[in-house]
Amino acid sequence: MQTIHIDDNPELQKAKNLIFYSILISMLAPFVSFFFGFIGSTPSISAIASPIAFIANIVALVGYYQFSKLCNTFIFRLIIFNILLTIAVYLLVFICAISAASMFSYISDTWYIPAIIASVIFIAYIAIEMYWAYLMCYELSARTGQREFIATFKLSCIAFALLVLAGGLFLLFIAGNSYMNIYHMIDDLAGAIQGIAASILLVIAMLVAIAALVFFILGIYRIKEVTIREVNKMRLEK
């Protein structure tokens, strides 16, 4: 299997730098926006964070394309498929939501069917996303030899599991207090514990997700050489 060293290949250096700095910028942009919004700075500063993050993601795509071309790998195709799938899923869920609202307004007994379809679509989408994240992280690790990408996937799974648990606890908290006056919610000890536990889990999930992103950036930064795939198929090599 052929190996390319980054010091001997300017194209690989360029691809690495495009991905590294683009992801770093897109990661920092929301924090900059939040910081200036928190201190009450002029809205124009925080308003440009989203366009900057969007442009950074486009530049990262160029880097992934160059990287995939050099390594004869499927990573760029996987990202494009992910973008197209995300657009399609959100359009389908939006159509289902409109259909459910329309049926509900006409007091139809089948208004819940589009909602069920949307839920099934979204669950299938999450499953596909997790599998594609697995493929991408392990493929990046196989091509670069950097274990940080595997750590990224594992941390992402932990963050997702914590997020699901937090969401479940929030639903229990809301369901348990929906019949009560909001001023008496705090008197319900079980509900208060559920709400606090859900909030803590949510914060931990966010911290773990940030750690996953940091590991990903660190993996990109530490790339010194890459191996070229023999066959460019969307599966991991044995």
Protein backbone atom coordinates (compact mmCIF):
# COMPACT_ATOMS: atom_id res chain seq x y z
CA MET A 1 0.00 0.00 0.00
CA GLN A 2 1.49 3.31 -1.10
CA THR A 3 2.23 5.95 1.53
CA ILE A 4 2.38 9.73 0.99
CA HIS A 5 4.38 11.84 3.45
CA ILE A 6 3.03 15.32 4.06
CA ASP A 7 6.47 16.92 3.77
CA ASP A 8 6.84 15.52 0.25
CA ASN A 9 3.40 16.44 -1.07
CA PRO A 10 2.21 20.10 -1.21
CA GLU A 11 -1.32 19.00 -2.20
CA LEU A 12 -1.66 16.97 0.98
CA GLN A 13 -0.37 19.90 3.02
CA LYS A 14 -2.93 22.17 1.38
CA ALA A 15 -5.79 19.70 1.94
CA LYS A 16 -4.82 19.26 5.59
CA ASN A 17 -4.60 23.03 6.19
CA LEU A 18 -7.94 23.69 4.49
CA ILE A 19 -9.71 21.11 6.64
CA PHE A 20 -7.93 22.05 9.88
CA TYR A 21 -8.39 25.82 9.73
CA SER A 22 -11.92 25.62 8.30
CA ILE A 23 -13.13 23.34 11.09
CA LEU A 24 -11.36 25.48 13.69
CA ILE A 25 -13.06 28.63 12.36
CA SER A 26 -16.50 27.01 12.13
CA MET A 27 -16.06 25.74 15.71
CA LEU A 28 -15.01 29.12 17.11
CA ALA A 29 -17.59 31.21 15.19
CA PRO A 30 -20.60 30.23 17.39
CA PHE A 31 -18.61 30.95 20.57
CA VAL A 32 -17.59 34.36 19.23
CA SER A 33 -21.20 35.09 18.33
CA PHE A 34 -22.40 34.02 21.78
CA PHE A 35 -19.68 36.03 23.54
CA PHE A 36 -20.42 39.30 21.73
CA GLY A 37 -24.15 38.73 22.12
CA PHE A 38 -23.70 38.08 25.84
CA ILE A 39 -21.72 41.25 26.48
CA GLY A 40 -24.28 43.26 24.51
CA SER A 41 -21.95 44.19 21.69
CA THR A 42 -23.16 45.48 18.34
CA PRO A 43 -25.37 42.88 16.58
CA SER A 44 -23.35 43.16 13.36
CA ILE A 45 -20.39 41.35 14.98
CA SER A 46 -22.39 38.31 16.04
CA ALA A 47 -24.43 38.39 12.82
CA ILE A 48 -21.39 37.70 10.63
CA ALA A 49 -20.48 34.55 12.61
CA SER A 50 -22.99 32.35 10.76
CA PRO A 51 -21.87 33.40 7.24
CA ILE A 52 -18.24 32.92 8.28
CA ALA A 53 -19.00 29.41 9.60
CA PHE A 54 -20.88 28.59 6.37
CA ILE A 55 -17.97 29.75 4.19
CA ALA A 56 -15.55 27.79 6.39
CA ASN A 57 -17.60 24.63 5.84
CA ILE A 58 -17.51 25.17 2.08
CA VAL A 59 -13.72 25.57 2.23
CA ALA A 60 -13.52 22.39 4.33
CA LEU A 61 -15.38 20.56 1.55
CA VAL A 62 -12.64 21.59 -0.88
CA GLY A 63 -10.07 20.18 1.55
CA TYR A 64 -11.98 16.90 1.89
CA TYR A 65 -12.23 16.65 -1.89
CA GLN A 66 -8.47 17.07 -2.31
CA PHE A 67 -7.78 14.65 0.54
CA SER A 68 -10.15 12.03 -0.89
CA LYS A 69 -8.64 12.38 -4.34
CA LEU A 70 -5.09 11.91 -3.03
CA CYS A 71 -5.99 8.92 -0.84
CA ASN A 72 -8.45 7.37 -3.30
CA THR A 73 -11.03 7.27 -0.52
CA PHE A 74 -14.79 7.75 -0.23
CA ILE A 75 -14.80 10.45 2.48
CA PHE A 76 -15.84 13.35 0.19
CA ARG A 77 -18.65 11.28 -1.37
CA LEU A 78 -19.85 10.34 2.11
CA ILE A 79 -20.03 14.01 3.12
CA ILE A 80 -21.96 14.94 -0.04
CA PHE A 81 -24.40 12.04 0.50
CA ASN A 82 -24.82 13.23 4.09
CA ILE A 83 -25.66 16.78 2.98
CA LEU A 84 -28.18 15.54 0.38
CA LEU A 85 -29.77 13.12 2.85
CA THR A 86 -30.10 15.83 5.49
CA ILE A 87 -31.85 18.15 3.04
CA ALA A 88 -34.19 15.37 1.89
CA VAL A 89 -35.05 14.30 5.46
CA TYR A 90 -35.83 17.83 6.64
CA LEU A 91 -38.03 18.40 3.59
CA LEU A 92 -39.92 15.15 4.26
CA VAL A 93 -40.33 15.94 7.95
CA PHE A 94 -41.55 19.44 7.07
CA ILE A 95 -44.11 17.99 4.62
CA CYS A 96 -45.27 15.51 7.27
CA ALA A 97 -45.61 18.32 9.84
CA ILE A 98 -47.68 20.42 7.42
CA SER A 99 -49.87 17.41 6.62
CA ALA A 100 -50.41 16.62 10.30
CA ALA A 101 -51.31 20.24 11.08
CA SER A 102 -53.72 20.35 8.14
CA MET A 103 -55.44 17.10 9.17
CA PHE A 104 -55.62 18.26 12.79
CA SER A 105 -57.28 21.53 11.77
CA TYR A 106 -59.96 19.54 9.93
CA ILE A 107 -60.35 17.30 13.01
CA SER A 108 -59.30 14.21 11.11
CA ASP A 109 -58.84 10.96 13.03
CA THR A 110 -55.70 10.16 11.00
CA TRP A 111 -53.76 13.36 11.76
CA TYR A 112 -51.20 11.38 13.77
CA ILE A 113 -50.15 9.21 10.79
CA PRO A 114 -47.87 11.89 9.21
CA ALA A 115 -46.37 12.49 12.66
CA ILE A 116 -45.58 8.77 13.00
CA ILE A 117 -44.08 8.72 9.49
CA ALA A 118 -41.94 11.76 10.32
CA SER A 119 -40.73 10.06 13.53
CA VAL A 120 -39.79 6.87 11.66
CA ILE A 121 -37.96 8.90 9.00
CA PHE A 122 -36.05 10.85 11.64
CA ILE A 123 -35.07 7.71 13.59
CA ALA A 124 -33.84 6.05 10.37
CA TYR A 125 -31.92 9.23 9.55
CA ILE A 126 -30.19 9.20 12.95
CA ALA A 127 -29.23 5.53 12.47
CA ILE A 128 -27.76 6.24 9.03
CA GLU A 129 -25.92 9.30 10.36
CA MET A 130 -24.32 7.25 13.15
CA TYR A 131 -23.22 4.56 10.67
CA TRP A 132 -21.78 7.15 8.29
CA ALA A 133 -19.96 8.85 11.18
CA TYR A 134 -18.49 5.44 12.04
CA LEU A 135 -17.35 4.94 8.44
CA MET A 136 -15.81 8.40 8.19
CA CYS A 137 -13.95 8.33 11.51
CA TYR A 138 -12.55 4.83 11.08
CA GLU A 139 -11.62 5.52 7.45
CA LEU A 140 -9.77 8.69 8.45
CA SER A 141 -7.97 6.70 11.13
CA ALA A 142 -7.06 3.97 8.64
CA ARG A 143 -5.73 6.47 6.09
CA THR A 144 -3.77 8.63 8.55
CA GLY A 145 -2.93 6.28 11.42
CA GLN A 146 -4.38 8.78 13.91
CA ARG A 147 -6.44 7.19 16.70
CA GLU A 148 -8.01 10.54 17.58
CA PHE A 149 -10.65 9.98 14.90
CA ILE A 150 -11.80 6.76 16.59
CA ALA A 151 -11.96 8.63 19.90
CA THR A 152 -14.09 11.24 18.12
CA PHE A 153 -16.65 8.63 17.08
CA LYS A 154 -16.78 7.02 20.53
CA LEU A 155 -17.22 10.38 22.26
CA SER A 156 -19.93 11.32 19.75
CA CYS A 157 -21.83 8.13 20.63
CA ILE A 158 -21.54 8.92 24.34
CA ALA A 159 -22.76 12.50 23.75
CA PHE A 160 -25.72 11.24 21.73
CA ALA A 161 -26.66 8.70 24.41
CA LEU A 162 -26.50 11.39 27.11
CA LEU A 163 -28.62 13.68 24.93
CA VAL A 164 -31.27 10.97 24.55
CA LEU A 165 -31.31 10.39 28.31
CA ALA A 166 -31.60 14.12 28.96
CA GLY A 167 -34.47 14.38 26.48
CA GLY A 168 -36.26 11.46 28.16
CA LEU A 169 -35.92 13.04 31.59
CA PHE A 170 -37.17 16.38 30.27
CA LEU A 171 -40.23 14.65 28.80
CA LEU A 172 -40.91 12.94 32.13
CA PHE A 173 -40.50 16.27 33.91
CA ILE A 174 -42.95 18.01 31.54
CA ALA A 175 -45.45 15.13 31.63
CA GLY A 176 -45.32 14.97 35.42
CA ASN A 177 -45.94 18.69 35.83
CA SER A 178 -48.25 19.44 32.91
CA TYR A 179 -51.33 19.37 35.10
CA MET A 180 -49.82 21.58 37.79
CA ASN A 181 -49.58 25.30 38.09
CA ILE A 182 -46.11 26.47 37.10
CA TYR A 183 -45.66 28.17 40.49
CA HIS A 184 -46.13 24.84 42.27
CA MET A 185 -43.76 22.83 40.09
CA ILE A 186 -40.85 23.35 42.42
CA ASP A 187 -42.86 21.69 45.21
CA ASP A 188 -42.84 18.42 43.30
CA LEU A 189 -39.55 16.88 44.49
CA ALA A 190 -39.48 14.09 41.92
CA GLY A 191 -40.12 16.52 39.09
CA ALA A 192 -37.44 18.89 40.37
CA ILE A 193 -34.89 16.05 40.51
CA GLN A 194 -35.78 14.99 36.98
CA GLY A 195 -35.39 18.53 35.68
CA ILE A 196 -32.04 19.03 37.42
CA ALA A 197 -30.73 15.63 36.28
CA ALA A 198 -31.79 16.36 32.70
CA SER A 199 -30.04 19.74 32.79
CA ILE A 200 -26.83 18.18 34.14
CA LEU A 201 -26.90 15.45 31.49
CA LEU A 202 -27.46 18.06 28.80
CA VAL A 203 -24.42 20.07 29.95
CA ILE A 204 -22.27 16.92 30.11
CA ALA A 205 -23.44 15.91 26.62
CA MET A 206 -22.43 19.32 25.27
CA LEU A 207 -19.00 19.07 26.91
CA VAL A 208 -18.47 15.55 25.52
CA ALA A 209 -19.52 16.74 22.05
CA ILE A 210 -17.01 19.59 22.26
CA ALA A 211 -14.34 17.09 23.34
CA ALA A 212 -15.19 14.93 20.31
CA LEU A 213 -14.73 17.91 18.01
CA VAL A 214 -11.42 18.78 19.71
CA PHE A 215 -10.17 15.24 19.15
CA PHE A 216 -11.19 15.47 15.49
CA ILE A 217 -9.30 18.74 15.03
CA LEU A 218 -6.31 17.25 16.86
CA GLY A 219 -6.38 14.24 14.55
CA ILE A 220 -6.29 16.50 11.48
CA TYR A 221 -3.46 18.56 12.98
CA ARG A 222 -1.33 15.47 13.67
CA ILE A 223 -1.51 14.06 10.13
CA LYS A 224 2.03 13.33 8.98
CA GLU A 225 1.40 10.75 6.29
CA VAL A 226 -1.49 8.99 4.56
CA THR A 227 -1.96 5.65 2.85
CA ILE A 228 -3.67 5.31 -0.53
CA ARG A 229 -6.62 3.00 -0.87
CA GLU A 230 -6.38 0.23 -3.43
CA VAL A 231 -10.14 0.14 -4.09
CA ASN A 232 -12.37 3.20 -3.71
CA LYS A 233 -15.52 1.60 -2.30
CA MET A 234 -17.70 2.94 0.50
CA ARG A 235 -16.63 0.34 3.04
CA LEU A 236 -13.76 -0.13 5.46
CA GLU A 237 -10.78 -2.14 4.29
CA LYS A 238 -10.01 -5.29 6.27
